[in-house]
N, C-alpha and C. Protein backbone atom coordinates (compact mmCIF):
# COMPACT_ATOMS: atom_id res chain seq x y z
N MET A 1 -44.91 6.36 -20.54
CA MET A 1 -43.84 5.37 -20.18
C MET A 1 -42.54 6.31 -20.18
N PHE A 2 -42.26 6.88 -21.18
CA PHE A 2 -40.79 7.68 -21.09
C PHE A 2 -40.83 8.76 -20.21
N GLY A 3 -41.97 9.33 -19.88
CA GLY A 3 -42.02 10.34 -18.94
C GLY A 3 -41.78 9.95 -17.53
N LYS A 4 -42.21 8.81 -17.11
CA LYS A 4 -42.02 8.20 -15.85
C LYS A 4 -40.55 7.91 -15.64
N ILE A 5 -39.90 7.35 -16.75
CA ILE A 5 -38.48 7.07 -16.43
C ILE A 5 -37.67 8.38 -16.43
N LEU A 6 -38.08 9.32 -17.17
CA LEU A 6 -37.24 10.58 -17.20
C LEU A 6 -37.60 11.35 -15.80
N LEU A 7 -38.77 11.22 -15.31
CA LEU A 7 -39.04 11.77 -13.92
C LEU A 7 -38.18 11.00 -12.84
N THR A 8 -38.12 9.81 -13.02
CA THR A 8 -37.43 8.97 -12.02
C THR A 8 -35.91 9.30 -11.99
N VAL A 9 -35.45 9.38 -13.24
CA VAL A 9 -34.05 9.81 -13.27
C VAL A 9 -33.71 11.33 -12.85
N ALA A 10 -34.51 12.13 -13.10
CA ALA A 10 -34.53 13.52 -12.66
C ALA A 10 -34.48 13.65 -11.03
N VAL A 11 -35.46 12.80 -10.48
CA VAL A 11 -35.56 12.80 -9.02
C VAL A 11 -34.28 12.15 -8.39
N ILE A 12 -33.70 11.12 -9.03
CA ILE A 12 -32.46 10.48 -8.46
C ILE A 12 -31.38 11.53 -8.66
N ALA A 13 -31.28 12.19 -9.75
CA ALA A 13 -30.15 13.16 -9.89
C ALA A 13 -30.28 14.31 -9.02
N ILE A 14 -31.49 14.84 -8.62
CA ILE A 14 -31.66 16.05 -7.72
C ILE A 14 -31.32 15.43 -6.36
N ILE A 15 -31.58 14.21 -6.01
CA ILE A 15 -31.21 13.79 -4.68
C ILE A 15 -29.68 13.70 -4.71
N TRP A 16 -28.97 13.04 -5.57
CA TRP A 16 -27.82 12.81 -5.69
C TRP A 16 -26.89 14.10 -5.60
N PHE A 17 -27.29 15.03 -6.51
CA PHE A 17 -26.53 16.19 -6.36
C PHE A 17 -26.75 17.03 -5.14
N GLY A 18 -27.96 17.03 -4.57
CA GLY A 18 -28.31 17.55 -3.19
C GLY A 18 -27.39 17.15 -2.09
N PHE A 19 -27.23 15.63 -2.07
CA PHE A 19 -26.41 15.13 -1.16
C PHE A 19 -25.02 15.65 -1.34
N ARG A 20 -24.47 15.72 -2.40
CA ARG A 20 -23.17 16.08 -2.77
C ARG A 20 -22.95 17.42 -2.23
N TYR A 21 -23.95 18.53 -2.57
CA TYR A 21 -23.85 19.79 -2.24
C TYR A 21 -23.86 19.97 -0.57
N LEU A 22 -24.80 19.07 0.01
CA LEU A 22 -24.84 19.26 1.56
C LEU A 22 -23.44 18.66 2.17
N SER A 23 -22.84 17.57 1.62
CA SER A 23 -21.58 17.13 2.14
C SER A 23 -20.62 18.13 1.93
N ARG A 24 -20.46 18.87 0.73
CA ARG A 24 -19.58 19.99 0.63
C ARG A 24 -19.60 20.96 1.51
N LEU A 25 -20.88 21.38 1.96
CA LEU A 25 -21.06 22.57 2.91
C LEU A 25 -20.58 22.01 4.26
N ALA A 26 -20.85 20.66 4.56
CA ALA A 26 -20.62 20.21 6.01
C ALA A 26 -18.96 20.16 5.91
N GLU A 27 -18.23 19.88 5.06
CA GLU A 27 -16.87 19.74 4.86
C GLU A 27 -16.15 21.15 5.14
N LEU A 28 -16.69 22.18 4.43
CA LEU A 28 -16.39 23.54 4.59
C LEU A 28 -16.48 24.02 5.99
N ARG A 29 -17.54 23.68 6.55
CA ARG A 29 -17.78 24.04 7.97
C ARG A 29 -16.76 23.36 8.83
N ARG A 30 -16.44 22.09 8.55
CA ARG A 30 -15.54 21.46 9.61
C ARG A 30 -14.08 22.24 9.34
N ARG A 31 -13.79 22.48 8.14
CA ARG A 31 -12.42 23.14 7.78
C ARG A 31 -12.28 24.50 8.48
N ASP A 32 -13.48 25.27 8.44
CA ASP A 32 -13.48 26.60 9.08
C ASP A 32 -13.29 26.36 10.53
N GLN A 33 -13.99 25.45 11.16
CA GLN A 33 -13.92 25.39 12.54
C GLN A 33 -12.39 24.92 12.98
N ALA A 34 -11.96 24.05 12.16
CA ALA A 34 -10.60 23.58 12.62
C ALA A 34 -9.66 24.78 12.24
N ASP A 35 -9.74 25.55 11.45
CA ASP A 35 -8.82 26.74 11.26
C ASP A 35 -8.99 27.64 12.34
N ARG A 36 -10.16 27.91 12.93
CA ARG A 36 -10.40 28.65 14.03
C ARG A 36 -9.91 28.13 15.44
N VAL A 37 -9.85 26.99 15.56
CA VAL A 37 -9.42 26.24 16.74
C VAL A 37 -7.89 26.32 16.75
N ALA A 38 -7.22 25.80 15.77
CA ALA A 38 -5.68 25.74 15.66
C ALA A 38 -5.11 26.55 14.29
N PRO A 39 -4.88 27.87 14.40
CA PRO A 39 -4.38 28.47 13.28
C PRO A 39 -3.17 27.90 12.86
N PRO A 40 -2.80 27.83 11.59
CA PRO A 40 -1.63 27.35 10.98
C PRO A 40 -0.41 27.95 11.59
N ARG A 41 0.63 27.39 11.94
CA ARG A 41 1.97 28.06 12.39
C ARG A 41 2.78 28.49 11.32
N LYS A 42 3.30 29.67 11.18
CA LYS A 42 4.29 30.05 10.34
C LYS A 42 5.48 29.34 10.54
N PRO A 43 6.31 28.90 9.28
CA PRO A 43 7.47 28.35 9.38
C PRO A 43 8.58 29.08 10.01
N GLY A 44 9.25 28.55 11.05
CA GLY A 44 10.23 29.27 11.61
C GLY A 44 9.60 30.06 13.05
N ALA A 45 8.43 29.82 13.32
CA ALA A 45 7.84 30.65 14.29
C ALA A 45 7.81 29.86 15.49
N GLY A 46 7.75 30.25 16.72
CA GLY A 46 7.71 29.42 17.85
C GLY A 46 8.89 29.06 18.49
N THR A 47 9.27 27.79 18.88
CA THR A 47 10.31 27.46 19.42
C THR A 47 11.51 27.40 18.43
N SER A 48 12.63 27.88 18.80
CA SER A 48 13.63 27.90 17.86
C SER A 48 14.72 27.02 18.46
N THR A 49 15.38 26.24 17.58
CA THR A 49 16.47 25.36 18.10
C THR A 49 17.72 25.74 17.65
N GLU A 50 18.70 25.76 18.55
CA GLU A 50 20.00 26.34 18.36
C GLU A 50 21.00 25.32 18.03
N ALA A 51 21.83 25.45 17.14
CA ALA A 51 22.82 24.54 16.86
C ALA A 51 23.84 24.27 17.89
N GLU A 52 24.22 22.98 18.14
CA GLU A 52 24.95 22.64 19.17
C GLU A 52 26.32 22.34 18.67
N THR A 53 27.38 22.67 19.45
CA THR A 53 28.74 22.51 19.03
C THR A 53 28.94 21.03 19.25
N MET A 54 29.78 20.62 18.23
CA MET A 54 30.06 19.20 18.11
C MET A 54 31.73 19.07 18.24
N VAL A 55 32.23 18.10 19.15
CA VAL A 55 33.64 17.94 19.34
C VAL A 55 34.00 16.58 18.72
N GLU A 56 35.34 16.57 18.15
CA GLU A 56 35.73 15.24 17.67
C GLU A 56 36.67 14.66 18.62
N CYS A 57 36.48 13.32 18.88
CA CYS A 57 37.41 12.53 19.76
C CYS A 57 38.63 12.43 19.03
N ARG A 58 39.71 12.81 19.87
CA ARG A 58 41.11 12.60 19.31
C ARG A 58 41.52 11.17 19.04
N VAL A 59 40.87 10.40 19.88
CA VAL A 59 41.31 8.95 19.72
C VAL A 59 40.76 8.23 18.52
N CYS A 60 39.38 8.17 18.58
CA CYS A 60 38.66 7.24 17.58
C CYS A 60 38.07 8.23 16.57
N GLY A 61 38.09 9.66 16.60
CA GLY A 61 37.60 10.38 15.53
C GLY A 61 36.14 10.50 15.31
N THR A 62 35.35 10.05 16.23
CA THR A 62 33.88 10.24 16.29
C THR A 62 33.50 11.61 16.78
N TRP A 63 32.38 12.14 16.27
CA TRP A 63 31.83 13.46 16.65
C TRP A 63 30.69 13.27 17.67
N GLN A 64 30.94 14.13 18.86
CA GLN A 64 29.93 14.00 19.81
C GLN A 64 29.50 15.42 20.21
N PRO A 65 28.35 15.52 20.88
CA PRO A 65 27.92 16.92 21.37
C PRO A 65 28.90 17.36 22.38
N GLY A 66 29.22 18.70 22.26
CA GLY A 66 30.18 19.14 23.27
C GLY A 66 29.65 19.25 24.65
N ARG A 67 28.53 19.61 24.91
CA ARG A 67 28.21 19.49 26.34
C ARG A 67 28.01 18.09 26.99
N THR A 68 27.63 17.17 26.27
CA THR A 68 27.33 15.71 26.72
C THR A 68 28.28 14.76 26.20
N ALA A 69 29.58 15.11 25.96
CA ALA A 69 30.56 14.12 25.35
C ALA A 69 30.69 13.03 26.34
N ARG A 70 30.66 11.69 25.93
CA ARG A 70 31.11 10.62 26.79
C ARG A 70 32.09 9.87 26.11
N SER A 71 32.63 8.92 27.14
CA SER A 71 33.57 8.17 26.70
C SER A 71 33.39 7.21 25.64
N CYS A 72 34.24 6.81 24.59
CA CYS A 72 33.87 5.91 23.59
C CYS A 72 34.21 4.48 24.01
N GLY A 73 34.80 4.52 25.15
CA GLY A 73 34.85 3.03 25.77
C GLY A 73 36.43 2.53 25.53
N ARG A 74 37.26 3.43 25.11
CA ARG A 74 38.58 3.13 24.88
C ARG A 74 39.43 3.65 26.09
N ALA A 75 40.43 3.01 26.59
CA ALA A 75 41.11 3.35 27.67
C ALA A 75 41.79 4.88 27.57
N ASP A 76 42.33 5.23 26.45
CA ASP A 76 42.91 6.44 26.24
C ASP A 76 41.96 7.52 25.63
N CYS A 77 40.74 7.30 25.90
CA CYS A 77 39.60 8.39 25.34
C CYS A 77 39.67 9.54 26.44
N PRO A 78 39.63 10.89 25.91
CA PRO A 78 39.77 11.94 26.68
C PRO A 78 38.45 12.29 27.38
N TYR A 79 37.31 11.76 27.11
CA TYR A 79 36.08 12.10 27.74
C TYR A 79 35.55 11.25 28.91
């Protein structure tokens, strides 16, 4: 009687740990394929963004991009 219970527990444990092992292998394969398809980018590599000069409105004091400064809506706005 005790032998049957022990054998049943052993079979269940083997199946459980086997499933976990196979799942782990599948996850490692997926990660490996993902790394091959899209390698991680290094910080600072690729497109670089340049700082844009900001200008302050003499009338209202707001800061706007220098190239695309627009009127703030006031009649005496220089933009």
